[in-house]
Amino acid sequence: MKRRKIGKAKLVPGGAALCQRIFTRIGCAGPPPAFRVEFYPYSSLTLTVRRRESEMIVRFSDLLQRAPLAVLEGAAALLLARIYRKRTPRALVAPYDEYAKSHKTRQRVQQMRSGRVRPASLHPAGEQFDLEQMFDELNERFFRGGLRRPHLGWSTRSWRRQFGSYDPGPNQILLNCRMDRREVPKYVVEYVLYHEMLHVKHPTRKSGCSLLSHSPEFRAEEKLFPEFDRARKALDILARGRTGLRFRIENLASRFLF
């Protein structure tokens, strides 16, 4: 993904005093350092902390500019606990967790990313597989043509364990370029693309205290893919980096035909 040029950081009003309070509250030893606390236009809900000589630079995503004080305190506690290796009381970080996982915040993150992140300039047509053509075929077979085609492309680098990703911000599906090879069966690539298309249909949602990316409805539809078992076994082989890929995949897959 490419980031668009965005605005500059803004100081958080009362941010230094806030961090000093949290420094003491989580049990850090000694006098607190000098804090500089900023709202920064990240491309997601990001928190960072780093030292610069005698100063501690704390940056909150500018998405938190309208957040309640308890949310900012929770964010500061997470950062300071990480750098000072302290445990944070659950009650202290709970407001931030709740805020970050709320449906409203997730929607704001997606809207923000759509304006700050450009889809990577990647070609959907690989050496072996054309993702746009494959998307259209799967869309007709499984979704009655109801999905709008997102940006599609192959990754520029080989990923070891991950084979696909969907980013709702720039609305882009990327597939691992390791699969764009003659020895990888077509149904394996189709399955990975189908999986990411289900993420388009079933967005991540809050479930209790966590975020649910693979809902029961998602899992049920995923198993409708005719080569579900064969594809997953094949991906396991590919992830292990074994040689003789097609022979091993087809030999193993034959045991899972019904």
C-alpha atoms as a PDB file:
ATOM      1  CA  MET A   1       0.000   0.000   0.000  1.00  0.00           C
ATOM      2  CA  LYS A   2       1.129   3.557  -0.694  1.00  0.00           C
ATOM      3  CA  ARG A   3       0.324   6.367   1.698  1.00  0.00           C
ATOM      4  CA  ARG A   4      -0.955   9.675   0.358  1.00  0.00           C
ATOM      5  CA  LYS A   5       0.646  12.868   1.634  1.00  0.00           C
ATOM      6  CA  ILE A   6      -1.156  13.822   4.816  1.00  0.00           C
ATOM      7  CA  GLY A   7      -1.042  16.538   7.483  1.00  0.00           C
ATOM      8  CA  LYS A   8       1.425  17.069  10.276  1.00  0.00           C
ATOM      9  CA  ALA A   9       1.361  15.981  13.900  1.00  0.00           C
ATOM     10  CA  LYS A  10      -0.530  18.058  16.483  1.00  0.00           C
ATOM     11  CA  LEU A  11       0.260  18.308  20.179  1.00  0.00           C
ATOM     12  CA  VAL A  12      -2.236  16.627  22.491  1.00  0.00           C
ATOM     13  CA  PRO A  13      -3.532  19.260  24.956  1.00  0.00           C
ATOM     14  CA  GLY A  14      -2.461  18.152  28.431  1.00  0.00           C
ATOM     15  CA  GLY A  15      -0.761  15.111  26.910  1.00  0.00           C
ATOM     16  CA  ALA A  16       2.484  15.406  28.877  1.00  0.00           C
ATOM     17  CA  ALA A  17       0.654  15.593  32.215  1.00  0.00           C
ATOM     18  CA  LEU A  18      -1.517  12.642  31.200  1.00  0.00           C
ATOM     19  CA  CYS A  19       1.512  10.465  30.484  1.00  0.00           C
ATOM     20  CA  GLN A  20       3.195  11.516  33.714  1.00  0.00           C
ATOM     21  CA  ARG A  21       0.104  10.405  35.659  1.00  0.00           C
ATOM     22  CA  ILE A  22       0.038   7.054  33.872  1.00  0.00           C
ATOM     23  CA  PHE A  23       3.798   6.629  34.414  1.00  0.00           C
ATOM     24  CA  THR A  24       3.209   6.793  38.161  1.00  0.00           C
ATOM     25  CA  ARG A  25      -0.053   4.852  38.082  1.00  0.00           C
ATOM     26  CA  ILE A  26       1.421   1.729  36.469  1.00  0.00           C
ATOM     27  CA  GLY A  27       4.319   1.695  38.935  1.00  0.00           C
ATOM     28  CA  CYS A  28       7.282   2.943  36.906  1.00  0.00           C
ATOM     29  CA  ALA A  29      10.291   3.702  39.091  1.00  0.00           C
ATOM     30  CA  GLY A  30      12.036   7.057  39.321  1.00  0.00           C
ATOM     31  CA  PRO A  31      10.999  10.470  38.059  1.00  0.00           C
ATOM     32  CA  PRO A  32       9.010  10.486  34.794  1.00  0.00           C
ATOM     33  CA  PRO A  33      10.801  11.633  31.650  1.00  0.00           C
ATOM     34  CA  ALA A  34       9.844  14.669  29.639  1.00  0.00           C
ATOM     35  CA  PHE A  35       6.943  13.657  27.400  1.00  0.00           C
ATOM     36  CA  ARG A  36       5.969  15.039  24.028  1.00  0.00           C
ATOM     37  CA  VAL A  37       2.530  13.701  23.116  1.00  0.00           C
ATOM     38  CA  GLU A  38       1.100  14.122  19.623  1.00  0.00           C
ATOM     39  CA  PHE A  39      -1.860  13.205  17.490  1.00  0.00           C
ATOM     40  CA  TYR A  40      -0.335  11.831  14.297  1.00  0.00           C
ATOM     41  CA  PRO A  41      -2.085  11.154  10.970  1.00  0.00           C
ATOM     42  CA  TYR A  42      -1.307   7.460  10.712  1.00  0.00           C
ATOM     43  CA  SER A  43      -3.068   5.333   8.113  1.00  0.00           C
ATOM     44  CA  SER A  44      -4.682   3.228  10.844  1.00  0.00           C
ATOM     45  CA  LEU A  45      -5.464   3.231  14.567  1.00  0.00           C
ATOM     46  CA  THR A  46      -1.787   3.225  15.563  1.00  0.00           C
ATOM     47  CA  LEU A  47       0.016   4.014  18.823  1.00  0.00           C
ATOM     48  CA  THR A  48       3.794   4.501  19.038  1.00  0.00           C
ATOM     49  CA  VAL A  49       6.386   5.511  21.604  1.00  0.00           C
ATOM     50  CA  ARG A  50      10.127   6.131  21.227  1.00  0.00           C
ATOM     51  CA  ARG A  51      12.944   7.873  23.006  1.00  0.00           C
ATOM     52  CA  ARG A  52      14.700  10.868  21.532  1.00  0.00           C
ATOM     53  CA  GLU A  53      17.625  11.749  23.790  1.00  0.00           C
ATOM     54  CA  SER A  54      16.017  12.763  27.111  1.00  0.00           C
ATOM     55  CA  GLU A  55      12.522  13.110  25.661  1.00  0.00           C
ATOM     56  CA  MET A  56       9.845  10.419  25.233  1.00  0.00           C
ATOM     57  CA  ILE A  57       7.817  10.860  22.039  1.00  0.00           C
ATOM     58  CA  VAL A  58       4.300   9.422  22.332  1.00  0.00           C
ATOM     59  CA  ARG A  59       2.069   9.410  19.282  1.00  0.00           C
ATOM     60  CA  PHE A  60      -1.618   8.587  19.133  1.00  0.00           C
ATOM     61  CA  SER A  61      -3.518   8.139  15.902  1.00  0.00           C
ATOM     62  CA  ASP A  62      -5.406  11.360  15.164  1.00  0.00           C
ATOM     63  CA  LEU A  63      -8.491   9.158  15.089  1.00  0.00           C
ATOM     64  CA  LEU A  64      -8.412   9.561  18.877  1.00  0.00           C
ATOM     65  CA  GLN A  65      -8.780  13.340  18.839  1.00  0.00           C
ATOM     66  CA  ARG A  66     -12.442  13.071  19.869  1.00  0.00           C
ATOM     67  CA  ALA A  67     -11.928  10.142  22.233  1.00  0.00           C
ATOM     68  CA  PRO A  68     -12.783  10.465  25.956  1.00  0.00           C
ATOM     69  CA  LEU A  69      -9.969  11.029  28.446  1.00  0.00           C
ATOM     70  CA  ALA A  70     -10.223   7.436  29.732  1.00  0.00           C
ATOM     71  CA  VAL A  71      -9.487   6.154  26.214  1.00  0.00           C
ATOM     72  CA  LEU A  72      -6.340   8.285  25.936  1.00  0.00           C
ATOM     73  CA  GLU A  73      -5.237   7.120  29.381  1.00  0.00           C
ATOM     74  CA  GLY A  74      -5.682   3.506  28.298  1.00  0.00           C
ATOM     75  CA  ALA A  75      -3.673   4.136  25.142  1.00  0.00           C
ATOM     76  CA  ALA A  76      -0.862   5.756  27.136  1.00  0.00           C
ATOM     77  CA  ALA A  77      -0.875   2.861  29.610  1.00  0.00           C
ATOM     78  CA  LEU A  78      -0.468   0.317  26.807  1.00  0.00           C
ATOM     79  CA  LEU A  79       2.528   2.189  25.390  1.00  0.00           C
ATOM     80  CA  LEU A  80       4.305   2.902  28.659  1.00  0.00           C
ATOM     81  CA  ALA A  81       3.719  -0.606  29.974  1.00  0.00           C
ATOM     82  CA  ARG A  82       5.357  -1.958  26.834  1.00  0.00           C
ATOM     83  CA  ILE A  83       8.475   0.192  27.062  1.00  0.00           C
ATOM     84  CA  TYR A  84       8.870  -0.125  30.857  1.00  0.00           C
ATOM     85  CA  ARG A  85       7.783  -3.780  30.941  1.00  0.00           C
ATOM     86  CA  LYS A  86       4.939  -3.274  33.373  1.00  0.00           C
ATOM     87  CA  ARG A  87       1.589  -4.972  33.722  1.00  0.00           C
ATOM     88  CA  THR A  88      -1.382  -2.708  33.201  1.00  0.00           C
ATOM     89  CA  PRO A  89      -4.580  -3.028  35.238  1.00  0.00           C
ATOM     90  CA  ARG A  90      -7.375  -4.348  33.058  1.00  0.00           C
ATOM     91  CA  ALA A  91      -9.657  -1.545  34.205  1.00  0.00           C
ATOM     92  CA  LEU A  92      -7.141   1.032  32.950  1.00  0.00           C
ATOM     93  CA  VAL A  93      -6.850  -0.261  29.371  1.00  0.00           C
ATOM     94  CA  ALA A  94     -10.460  -1.476  29.008  1.00  0.00           C
ATOM     95  CA  PRO A  95     -11.824   1.894  27.766  1.00  0.00           C
ATOM     96  CA  TYR A  96      -9.262   1.959  24.947  1.00  0.00           C
ATOM     97  CA  ASP A  97      -9.944  -1.653  23.972  1.00  0.00           C
ATOM     98  CA  GLU A  98     -13.681  -1.017  23.926  1.00  0.00           C
ATOM     99  CA  TYR A  99     -13.242   2.144  21.858  1.00  0.00           C
ATOM    100  CA  ALA A 100     -10.852   0.523  19.374  1.00  0.00           C
ATOM    101  CA  LYS A 101     -13.098  -2.508  18.806  1.00  0.00           C
ATOM    102  CA  SER A 102     -16.392  -0.646  18.513  1.00  0.00           C
ATOM    103  CA  HIS A 103     -18.251  -0.794  15.225  1.00  0.00           C
ATOM    104  CA  LYS A 104     -18.246   3.000  14.951  1.00  0.00           C
ATOM    105  CA  THR A 105     -14.473   3.186  15.330  1.00  0.00           C
ATOM    106  CA  ARG A 106     -13.931   0.373  12.809  1.00  0.00           C
ATOM    107  CA  GLN A 107     -16.044   2.299  10.302  1.00  0.00           C
ATOM    108  CA  ARG A 108     -14.048   5.479  10.916  1.00  0.00           C
ATOM    109  CA  VAL A 109     -10.769   3.571  10.429  1.00  0.00           C
ATOM    110  CA  GLN A 110     -11.975   2.248   7.075  1.00  0.00           C
ATOM    111  CA  GLN A 111     -13.117   5.693   5.952  1.00  0.00           C
ATOM    112  CA  MET A 112      -9.795   7.189   7.026  1.00  0.00           C
ATOM    113  CA  ARG A 113      -7.771   4.503   5.243  1.00  0.00           C
ATOM    114  CA  SER A 114      -9.744   4.965   2.034  1.00  0.00           C
ATOM    115  CA  GLY A 115      -8.528   8.565   1.967  1.00  0.00           C
ATOM    116  CA  ARG A 116      -4.949   8.006   3.162  1.00  0.00           C
ATOM    117  CA  VAL A 117      -3.941   4.722   1.562  1.00  0.00           C
ATOM    118  CA  ARG A 118      -3.685   4.199  -2.159  1.00  0.00           C
ATOM    119  CA  PRO A 119      -4.139   0.692  -3.526  1.00  0.00           C
ATOM    120  CA  ALA A 120      -0.776  -0.749  -4.500  1.00  0.00           C
ATOM    121  CA  SER A 121      -0.110  -0.436  -8.214  1.00  0.00           C
ATOM    122  CA  LEU A 122      -0.057  -4.139  -8.915  1.00  0.00           C
ATOM    123  CA  HIS A 123      -1.247  -6.045 -11.943  1.00  0.00           C
ATOM    124  CA  PRO A 124      -4.026  -8.620 -11.451  1.00  0.00           C
ATOM    125  CA  ALA A 125      -2.759 -10.639 -14.417  1.00  0.00           C
ATOM    126  CA  GLY A 126       0.108 -12.817 -13.240  1.00  0.00           C
ATOM    127  CA  GLU A 127       2.297 -15.186 -15.208  1.00  0.00           C
ATOM    128  CA  GLN A 128      -0.133 -18.077 -14.706  1.00  0.00           C
ATOM    129  CA  PHE A 129      -3.384 -16.695 -13.289  1.00  0.00           C
ATOM    130  CA  ASP A 130      -5.495 -13.617 -14.079  1.00  0.00           C
ATOM    131  CA  LEU A 131      -7.154 -12.530 -10.843  1.00  0.00           C
ATOM    132  CA  GLU A 132      -9.761 -10.278 -12.478  1.00  0.00           C
ATOM    133  CA  GLN A 133     -10.985 -13.085 -14.705  1.00  0.00           C
ATOM    134  CA  MET A 134     -10.940 -15.495 -11.771  1.00  0.00           C
ATOM    135  CA  PHE A 135     -12.830 -13.016  -9.555  1.00  0.00           C
ATOM    136  CA  ASP A 136     -15.572 -12.592 -12.142  1.00  0.00           C
ATOM    137  CA  GLU A 137     -15.960 -16.353 -12.513  1.00  0.00           C
ATOM    138  CA  LEU A 138     -16.148 -16.926  -8.752  1.00  0.00           C
ATOM    139  CA  ASN A 139     -18.500 -13.991  -8.349  1.00  0.00           C
ATOM    140  CA  GLU A 140     -20.973 -15.572 -10.755  1.00  0.00           C
ATOM    141  CA  ARG A 141     -20.592 -19.087  -9.314  1.00  0.00           C
ATOM    142  CA  PHE A 142     -20.917 -18.268  -5.622  1.00  0.00           C
ATOM    143  CA  PHE A 143     -22.254 -14.718  -5.219  1.00  0.00           C
ATOM    144  CA  ARG A 144     -24.665 -14.403  -8.169  1.00  0.00           C
ATOM    145  CA  GLY A 145     -22.545 -11.534  -9.434  1.00  0.00           C
ATOM    146  CA  GLY A 146     -23.392  -9.489  -6.331  1.00  0.00           C
ATOM    147  CA  LEU A 147     -19.879  -8.427  -5.255  1.00  0.00           C
ATOM    148  CA  ARG A 148     -18.302  -5.295  -6.615  1.00  0.00           C
ATOM    149  CA  ARG A 149     -14.807  -6.062  -7.786  1.00  0.00           C
ATOM    150  CA  PRO A 150     -12.163  -4.569  -5.445  1.00  0.00           C
ATOM    151  CA  HIS A 151      -8.619  -3.744  -6.515  1.00  0.00           C
ATOM    152  CA  LEU A 152      -6.820  -7.018  -7.202  1.00  0.00           C
ATOM    153  CA  GLY A 153      -3.146  -7.837  -7.406  1.00  0.00           C
ATOM    154  CA  TRP A 154      -0.279 -10.191  -6.634  1.00  0.00           C
ATOM    155  CA  SER A 155       2.076  -9.401  -3.771  1.00  0.00           C
ATOM    156  CA  THR A 156       5.475  -8.006  -4.743  1.00  0.00           C
ATOM    157  CA  ARG A 157       7.227 -10.308  -2.254  1.00  0.00           C
ATOM    158  CA  SER A 158       6.690 -13.914  -1.310  1.00  0.00           C
ATOM    159  CA  TRP A 159       4.862 -14.409   1.997  1.00  0.00           C
ATOM    160  CA  ARG A 160       5.704 -17.514   3.981  1.00  0.00           C
ATOM    161  CA  ARG A 161       2.442 -18.460   5.719  1.00  0.00           C
ATOM    162  CA  GLN A 162      -0.147 -15.964   4.519  1.00  0.00           C
ATOM    163  CA  PHE A 163      -1.651 -16.575   1.096  1.00  0.00           C
ATOM    164  CA  GLY A 164      -4.119 -13.728   0.761  1.00  0.00           C
ATOM    165  CA  SER A 165      -5.330 -10.542   2.414  1.00  0.00           C
ATOM    166  CA  TYR A 166      -8.224  -8.132   2.089  1.00  0.00           C
ATOM    167  CA  ASP A 167      -7.799  -4.518   3.212  1.00  0.00           C
ATOM    168  CA  PRO A 168     -11.184  -2.726   3.338  1.00  0.00           C
ATOM    169  CA  GLY A 169      -9.511   0.701   3.520  1.00  0.00           C
ATOM    170  CA  PRO A 170      -8.209   0.867  -0.055  1.00  0.00           C
ATOM    171  CA  ASN A 171     -10.609  -2.001  -0.895  1.00  0.00           C
ATOM    172  CA  GLN A 172      -7.893  -4.310  -2.193  1.00  0.00           C
ATOM    173  CA  ILE A 173      -7.314  -8.051  -2.299  1.00  0.00           C
ATOM    174  CA  LEU A 174      -3.712  -9.210  -2.566  1.00  0.00           C
ATOM    175  CA  LEU A 175      -2.657 -12.799  -3.171  1.00  0.00           C
ATOM    176  CA  ASN A 176       0.728 -14.311  -2.385  1.00  0.00           C
ATOM    177  CA  CYS A 177       2.876 -14.312  -5.524  1.00  0.00           C
ATOM    178  CA  ARG A 178       4.153 -17.768  -4.508  1.00  0.00           C
ATOM    179  CA  MET A 179       0.912 -19.174  -5.913  1.00  0.00           C
ATOM    180  CA  ASP A 180       1.374 -17.652  -9.357  1.00  0.00           C
ATOM    181  CA  ARG A 181       3.305 -20.707 -10.518  1.00  0.00           C
ATOM    182  CA  ARG A 182       2.635 -23.435 -13.029  1.00  0.00           C
ATOM    183  CA  GLU A 183       2.909 -26.197 -10.429  1.00  0.00           C
ATOM    184  CA  VAL A 184       0.149 -24.691  -8.228  1.00  0.00           C
ATOM    185  CA  PRO A 185      -3.285 -26.086  -9.201  1.00  0.00           C
ATOM    186  CA  LYS A 186      -5.882 -23.535 -10.227  1.00  0.00           C
ATOM    187  CA  TYR A 187      -8.349 -24.635  -7.555  1.00  0.00           C
ATOM    188  CA  VAL A 188      -5.827 -23.621  -4.852  1.00  0.00           C
ATOM    189  CA  VAL A 189      -5.679 -20.030  -6.113  1.00  0.00           C
ATOM    190  CA  GLU A 190      -9.449 -20.002  -6.577  1.00  0.00           C
ATOM    191  CA  TYR A 191      -9.972 -21.074  -2.991  1.00  0.00           C
ATOM    192  CA  VAL A 192      -7.713 -18.339  -1.591  1.00  0.00           C
ATOM    193  CA  LEU A 193      -9.415 -15.696  -3.713  1.00  0.00           C
ATOM    194  CA  TYR A 194     -12.840 -17.050  -2.722  1.00  0.00           C
ATOM    195  CA  HIS A 195     -11.818 -16.812   0.953  1.00  0.00           C
ATOM    196  CA  GLU A 196     -10.851 -13.144   0.535  1.00  0.00           C
ATOM    197  CA  MET A 197     -14.089 -12.469  -1.349  1.00  0.00           C
ATOM    198  CA  LEU A 198     -15.955 -13.767   1.698  1.00  0.00           C
ATOM    199  CA  HIS A 199     -14.163 -11.098   3.740  1.00  0.00           C
ATOM    200  CA  VAL A 200     -15.667  -8.530   1.362  1.00  0.00           C
ATOM    201  CA  LYS A 201     -19.123 -10.014   1.958  1.00  0.00           C
ATOM    202  CA  HIS A 202     -18.693 -10.573   5.721  1.00  0.00           C
ATOM    203  CA  PRO A 203     -16.726  -7.631   7.209  1.00  0.00           C
ATOM    204  CA  THR A 204     -14.964  -7.966  10.553  1.00  0.00           C
ATOM    205  CA  ARG A 205     -17.365  -7.279  13.402  1.00  0.00           C
ATOM    206  CA  LYS A 206     -17.280  -7.017  17.164  1.00  0.00           C
ATOM    207  CA  SER A 207     -18.214 -10.130  19.120  1.00  0.00           C
ATOM    208  CA  GLY A 208     -18.152  -9.739  22.883  1.00  0.00           C
ATOM    209  CA  CYS A 209     -14.742  -8.341  23.845  1.00  0.00           C
ATOM    210  CA  SER A 210     -12.993  -9.303  20.598  1.00  0.00           C
ATOM    211  CA  LEU A 211     -13.187  -8.768  16.846  1.00  0.00           C
ATOM    212  CA  LEU A 212     -14.576 -11.581  14.724  1.00  0.00           C
ATOM    213  CA  SER A 213     -13.103 -11.921  11.238  1.00  0.00           C
ATOM    214  CA  HIS A 214     -14.389 -15.425  10.522  1.00  0.00           C
ATOM    215  CA  SER A 215     -17.992 -15.586  11.676  1.00  0.00           C
ATOM    216  CA  PRO A 216     -20.045 -18.814  11.657  1.00  0.00           C
ATOM    217  CA  GLU A 217     -21.720 -17.555   8.482  1.00  0.00           C
ATOM    218  CA  PHE A 218     -18.292 -17.001   6.926  1.00  0.00           C
ATOM    219  CA  ARG A 219     -17.104 -20.502   7.842  1.00  0.00           C
ATOM    220  CA  ALA A 220     -20.297 -22.119   6.564  1.00  0.00           C
ATOM    221  CA  GLU A 221     -19.995 -20.400   3.176  1.00  0.00           C
ATOM    222  CA  GLU A 222     -16.288 -21.144   2.977  1.00  0.00           C
ATOM    223  CA  LYS A 223     -17.033 -24.883   3.107  1.00  0.00           C
ATOM    224  CA  LEU A 224     -19.300 -24.541   0.064  1.00  0.00           C
ATOM    225  CA  PHE A 225     -16.170 -24.324  -2.072  1.00  0.00           C
ATOM    226  CA  PRO A 226     -16.072 -27.716  -3.848  1.00  0.00           C
ATOM    227  CA  GLU A 227     -12.311 -28.220  -3.381  1.00  0.00           C
ATOM    228  CA  PHE A 228     -12.252 -26.925   0.205  1.00  0.00           C
ATOM    229  CA  ASP A 229     -10.371 -29.869   1.771  1.00  0.00           C
ATOM    230  CA  ARG A 230      -7.972 -30.391  -1.140  1.00  0.00           C
ATOM    231  CA  ALA A 231      -7.115 -26.696  -1.313  1.00  0.00           C
ATOM    232  CA  ARG A 232      -6.370 -26.412   2.408  1.00  0.00           C
ATOM    233  CA  LYS A 233      -4.122 -29.473   2.323  1.00  0.00           C
ATOM    234  CA  ALA A 234      -2.353 -28.076  -0.718  1.00  0.00           C
ATOM    235  CA  LEU A 235      -1.757 -24.740   1.032  1.00  0.00           C
ATOM    236  CA  ASP A 236      -0.299 -26.570   4.004  1.00  0.00           C
ATOM    237  CA  ILE A 237       2.188 -28.266   1.677  1.00  0.00           C
ATOM    238  CA  LEU A 238       3.008 -24.968  -0.020  1.00  0.00           C
ATOM    239  CA  ALA A 239       3.521 -23.264   3.348  1.00  0.00           C
ATOM    240  CA  ARG A 240       6.044 -25.922   4.300  1.00  0.00           C
ATOM    241  CA  GLY A 241       8.007 -25.082   1.155  1.00  0.00           C
ATOM    242  CA  ARG A 242       8.220 -28.647  -0.092  1.00  0.00           C
ATOM    243  CA  THR A 243       9.487 -29.538  -3.537  1.00  0.00           C
ATOM    244  CA  GLY A 244       7.641 -31.497  -6.182  1.00  0.00           C
ATOM    245  CA  LEU A 245       4.587 -29.449  -5.276  1.00  0.00           C
ATOM    246  CA  ARG A 246       2.053 -30.615  -7.845  1.00  0.00           C
ATOM    247  CA  PHE A 247       2.880 -34.304  -7.404  1.00  0.00           C
ATOM    248  CA  ARG A 248       2.672 -34.054  -3.626  1.00  0.00           C
ATOM    249  CA  ILE A 249      -0.540 -32.011  -3.715  1.00  0.00           C
ATOM    250  CA  GLU A 250      -2.349 -34.322  -6.101  1.00  0.00           C
ATOM    251  CA  ASN A 251      -1.092 -37.449  -4.329  1.00  0.00           C
ATOM    252  CA  LEU A 252      -2.240 -36.190  -0.947  1.00  0.00           C
ATOM    253  CA  ALA A 253      -5.466 -34.638  -2.211  1.00  0.00           C
ATOM    254  CA  SER A 254      -6.676 -37.937  -3.687  1.00  0.00           C
ATOM    255  CA  ARG A 255      -7.104 -39.210  -0.143  1.00  0.00           C
ATOM    256  CA  PHE A 256      -9.607 -36.450   0.642  1.00  0.00           C
ATOM    257  CA  LEU A 257     -12.022 -36.959  -2.249  1.00  0.00           C
ATOM    258  CA  PHE A 258     -15.539 -38.016  -1.335  1.00  0.00           C
END
